C-alpha atoms as a PDB file:
ATOM      1  CA  MET A   1      -9.585  22.509  -5.266  1.00  0.00           C
ATOM      2  CA  LYS A   2      -8.687  26.180  -4.982  1.00  0.00           C
ATOM      3  CA  GLY A   3      -7.172  26.863  -1.476  1.00  0.00           C
ATOM      4  CA  ILE A   4      -6.398  23.126  -0.877  1.00  0.00           C
ATOM      5  CA  SER A   5      -2.934  21.789  -0.628  1.00  0.00           C
ATOM      6  CA  PHE A   6      -3.254  18.029  -1.765  1.00  0.00           C
ATOM      7  CA  GLY A   7      -0.291  15.935  -1.024  1.00  0.00           C
ATOM      8  CA  ILE A   8       2.857  16.597  -2.834  1.00  0.00           C
ATOM      9  CA  PRO A   9       2.836  17.984  -6.179  1.00  0.00           C
ATOM     10  CA  ARG A  10       5.709  16.457  -8.374  1.00  0.00           C
ATOM     11  CA  SER A  11       8.311  18.232  -6.224  1.00  0.00           C
ATOM     12  CA  THR A  12      10.015  15.091  -5.380  1.00  0.00           C
ATOM     13  CA  SER A  13      11.674  14.920  -8.733  1.00  0.00           C
ATOM     14  CA  SER A  14      15.154  16.334  -9.351  1.00  0.00           C
ATOM     15  CA  PRO A  15      14.248  18.302 -12.467  1.00  0.00           C
ATOM     16  CA  PHE A  16      11.480  20.175 -10.537  1.00  0.00           C
ATOM     17  CA  HIS A  17      14.195  21.333  -7.999  1.00  0.00           C
ATOM     18  CA  SER A  18      16.846  22.248 -10.414  1.00  0.00           C
ATOM     19  CA  GLN A  19      14.504  23.886 -13.044  1.00  0.00           C
ATOM     20  CA  LEU A  20      12.151  25.687 -10.740  1.00  0.00           C
ATOM     21  CA  PRO A  21      14.197  26.458  -7.524  1.00  0.00           C
ATOM     22  CA  GLU A  22      12.230  29.406  -6.407  1.00  0.00           C
ATOM     23  CA  HIS A  23       8.904  27.436  -6.688  1.00  0.00           C
ATOM     24  CA  SER A  24      10.459  24.441  -4.747  1.00  0.00           C
ATOM     25  CA  GLU A  25      11.696  26.876  -1.966  1.00  0.00           C
ATOM     26  CA  ASN A  26       8.070  28.402  -1.871  1.00  0.00           C
ATOM     27  CA  LEU A  27       6.501  25.015  -1.618  1.00  0.00           C
ATOM     28  CA  LEU A  28       8.971  23.908   1.089  1.00  0.00           C
ATOM     29  CA  SER A  29       8.403  27.188   2.851  1.00  0.00           C
ATOM     30  CA  TYR A  30       4.818  26.641   3.131  1.00  0.00           C
ATOM     31  CA  ARG A  31       5.403  23.127   4.651  1.00  0.00           C
ATOM     32  CA  TYR A  32       7.867  24.651   7.240  1.00  0.00           C
ATOM     33  CA  ARG A  33       5.112  27.207   7.826  1.00  0.00           C
ATOM     34  CA  ILE A  34       2.615  24.388   8.902  1.00  0.00           C
ATOM     35  CA  LEU A  35       5.289  22.389  10.844  1.00  0.00           C
ATOM     36  CA  ASP A  36       3.631  23.296  14.275  1.00  0.00           C
ATOM     37  CA  SER A  37       0.253  21.975  12.941  1.00  0.00           C
ATOM     38  CA  ALA A  38       2.093  18.874  11.692  1.00  0.00           C
ATOM     39  CA  ARG A  39       3.464  18.293  15.192  1.00  0.00           C
ATOM     40  CA  GLU A  40      -0.136  18.552  16.677  1.00  0.00           C
ATOM     41  CA  HIS A  41      -1.414  16.351  14.087  1.00  0.00           C
ATOM     42  CA  ALA A  42       1.196  13.674  15.407  1.00  0.00           C
ATOM     43  CA  LYS A  43      -0.123  13.945  18.813  1.00  0.00           C
ATOM     44  CA  ILE A  44      -3.792  13.563  17.816  1.00  0.00           C
ATOM     45  CA  MET A  45      -2.728  10.353  15.834  1.00  0.00           C
ATOM     46  CA  GLY A  46      -1.111   9.143  19.090  1.00  0.00           C
ATOM     47  CA  HIS A  47       2.487   9.696  18.534  1.00  0.00           C
ATOM     48  CA  SER A  48       3.654  10.372  22.080  1.00  0.00           C
ATOM     49  CA  ARG A  49       7.305  10.653  21.232  1.00  0.00           C
ATOM     50  CA  GLY A  50       6.954  13.915  19.208  1.00  0.00           C
ATOM     51  CA  GLY A  51       7.579  14.465  15.768  1.00  0.00           C
ATOM     52  CA  ALA A  52       5.693  15.673  12.766  1.00  0.00           C
ATOM     53  CA  LEU A  53       2.935  14.128  10.746  1.00  0.00           C
ATOM     54  CA  TYR A  54       2.283  16.432   7.770  1.00  0.00           C
ATOM     55  CA  PRO A  55      -1.556  16.197   6.257  1.00  0.00           C
ATOM     56  CA  TRP A  56      -2.347  14.923   2.909  1.00  0.00           C
ATOM     57  CA  ARG A  57      -5.015  17.414   2.259  1.00  0.00           C
ATOM     58  CA  THR A  58      -4.807  20.648   4.097  1.00  0.00           C
ATOM     59  CA  ILE A  59      -6.568  23.959   4.334  1.00  0.00           C
ATOM     60  CA  MET A  60      -4.462  26.371   6.748  1.00  0.00           C
ATOM     61  CA  GLY A  61      -2.166  23.609   7.790  1.00  0.00           C
ATOM     62  CA  SER A  62      -4.815  20.928   9.345  1.00  0.00           C
ATOM     63  CA  GLU A  63      -5.666  17.648   7.779  1.00  0.00           C
ATOM     64  CA  CYS A  64      -9.235  18.140   6.047  1.00  0.00           C
ATOM     65  CA  SER A  65      -9.577  14.664   4.466  1.00  0.00           C
ATOM     66  CA  GLY A  66     -13.185  13.402   5.519  1.00  0.00           C
ATOM     67  CA  TYR A  67     -12.087   9.764   5.244  1.00  0.00           C
ATOM     68  CA  PHE A  68      -9.578   8.508   7.422  1.00  0.00           C
ATOM     69  CA  PRO A  69      -7.511   6.147   5.403  1.00  0.00           C
ATOM     70  CA  SER A  70      -7.542   8.894   2.676  1.00  0.00           C
ATOM     71  CA  GLY A  71      -6.098  11.461   4.805  1.00  0.00           C
ATOM     72  CA  SER A  72      -4.726  11.076   8.254  1.00  0.00           C
ATOM     73  CA  ALA A  73      -3.062   7.591   7.535  1.00  0.00           C
ATOM     74  CA  GLN A  74      -1.109   8.850   4.687  1.00  0.00           C
ATOM     75  CA  TYR A  75       2.420   8.817   6.423  1.00  0.00           C
ATOM     76  CA  HIS A  76       4.140   8.633   3.116  1.00  0.00           C
ATOM     77  CA  ILE A  77       3.814  12.437   2.567  1.00  0.00           C
ATOM     78  CA  ASN A  78       6.400  12.783   5.622  1.00  0.00           C
ATOM     79  CA  GLY A  79       8.992  10.960   3.584  1.00  0.00           C
ATOM     80  CA  ALA A  80       8.165  12.892   0.320  1.00  0.00           C
ATOM     81  CA  ILE A  81       8.604  16.218   2.196  1.00  0.00           C
ATOM     82  CA  ALA A  82      12.173  15.215   3.809  1.00  0.00           C
ATOM     83  CA  LEU A  83      13.150  13.904   0.197  1.00  0.00           C
ATOM     84  CA  SER A  84      12.101  17.298  -1.327  1.00  0.00           C
ATOM     85  CA  VAL A  85      14.164  19.103   1.389  1.00  0.00           C
ATOM     86  CA  LEU A  86      17.319  17.360   0.229  1.00  0.00           C
ATOM     87  CA  LEU A  87      16.661  17.379  -3.383  1.00  0.00           C
ATOM     88  CA  TYR A  88      16.040  21.108  -3.056  1.00  0.00           C
ATOM     89  CA  TYR A  89      19.305  21.536  -1.275  1.00  0.00           C
ATOM     90  CA  PHE A  90      21.260  19.372  -3.890  1.00  0.00           C
ATOM     91  CA  ALA A  91      19.839  21.320  -6.816  1.00  0.00           C
ATOM     92  CA  SER A  92      20.172  24.769  -5.218  1.00  0.00           C
ATOM     93  CA  GLY A  93      23.018  24.778  -2.731  1.00  0.00           C
ATOM     94  CA  ASP A  94      20.824  26.952  -0.661  1.00  0.00           C
ATOM     95  CA  PHE A  95      22.394  26.063   2.863  1.00  0.00           C
ATOM     96  CA  GLU A  96      20.710  28.960   4.532  1.00  0.00           C
ATOM     97  CA  PHE A  97      17.307  27.148   3.868  1.00  0.00           C
ATOM     98  CA  ILE A  98      18.557  24.145   5.543  1.00  0.00           C
ATOM     99  CA  VAL A  99      19.857  25.871   8.591  1.00  0.00           C
ATOM    100  CA  GLU A 100      16.565  27.956   8.925  1.00  0.00           C
ATOM    101  CA  LYS A 101      13.924  25.665   7.907  1.00  0.00           C
ATOM    102  CA  GLY A 102      14.982  22.164   6.341  1.00  0.00           C
ATOM    103  CA  ALA A 103      17.100  20.587   8.868  1.00  0.00           C
ATOM    104  CA  GLU A 104      14.092  21.053  11.434  1.00  0.00           C
ATOM    105  CA  MET A 105      11.450  19.483   9.020  1.00  0.00           C
ATOM    106  CA  VAL A 106      13.638  16.523   8.102  1.00  0.00           C
ATOM    107  CA  ILE A 107      14.556  15.996  11.831  1.00  0.00           C
ATOM    108  CA  GLU A 108      10.726  16.257  12.831  1.00  0.00           C
ATOM    109  CA  THR A 109       9.596  13.901  10.257  1.00  0.00           C
ATOM    110  CA  ALA A 110      12.420  11.519  11.395  1.00  0.00           C
ATOM    111  CA  ARG A 111      11.227  11.603  14.939  1.00  0.00           C
ATOM    112  CA  LEU A 112       7.778  10.616  13.875  1.00  0.00           C
ATOM    113  CA  TRP A 113       9.170   7.317  11.919  1.00  0.00           C
ATOM    114  CA  LEU A 114      10.912   6.417  15.002  1.00  0.00           C
ATOM    115  CA  ASP A 115       7.527   6.252  16.813  1.00  0.00           C
ATOM    116  CA  ALA A 116       5.793   4.686  14.050  1.00  0.00           C
ATOM    117  CA  GLY A 117       8.199   1.880  13.608  1.00  0.00           C
ATOM    118  CA  ALA A 118       9.589  -0.903  15.519  1.00  0.00           C
ATOM    119  CA  LEU A 119      13.148  -2.886  15.553  1.00  0.00           C
ATOM    120  CA  GLN A 120      12.811  -6.430  16.411  1.00  0.00           C
ATOM    121  CA  ARG A 121      16.182  -8.051  17.317  1.00  0.00           C
ATOM    122  CA  GLY A 122      17.632  -9.718  14.391  1.00  0.00           C
ATOM    123  CA  LYS A 123      15.182  -8.229  11.955  1.00  0.00           C
ATOM    124  CA  ILE A 124      14.903  -5.102   9.673  1.00  0.00           C
ATOM    125  CA  PRO A 125      13.024  -2.054  10.959  1.00  0.00           C
ATOM    126  CA  HIS A 126       9.430  -2.096   9.928  1.00  0.00           C
ATOM    127  CA  LEU A 127       6.326   0.309  10.249  1.00  0.00           C
ATOM    128  CA  CYS A 128       3.680  -0.891  12.746  1.00  0.00           C
ATOM    129  CA  ARG A 129       0.640   1.490  11.624  1.00  0.00           C
ATOM    130  CA  GLU A 130       1.099   1.509   7.872  1.00  0.00           C
ATOM    131  CA  ARG A 131      -1.421  -0.325   5.815  1.00  0.00           C
ATOM    132  CA  PRO A 132      -0.660  -1.589   2.217  1.00  0.00           C
ATOM    133  CA  PRO A 133      -2.392   0.078  -0.700  1.00  0.00           C
ATOM    134  CA  ARG A 134      -5.768  -1.231  -1.786  1.00  0.00           C
END
């Protein structure tokens, strides 16, 4: 699939960040460059409180999956991106990246989770729009 970014390539593992920090930073910088598209995708998916919903498959930042459950409904990508930002920082100590790009990415993905979930009195938070794997 030349030219298509598909999900999160093994970038959520600590060895990836510690052994290949320049590649990790490049992948995360790409995700930062498509942050505005992820914000727009969140709006399209009905998240009125803001935040960013990163695509599962993308060409030029927009979701390009042809089948809704295989693409637009893949919210777990947000968690993987936020985790990757933190793992990259822990492995590299690149505080400048956090200040310039990483913090904004983590905050925007967190804002989406606040809108996608609910907290009922006396219960743990849960996600309203998530579907279990088939």
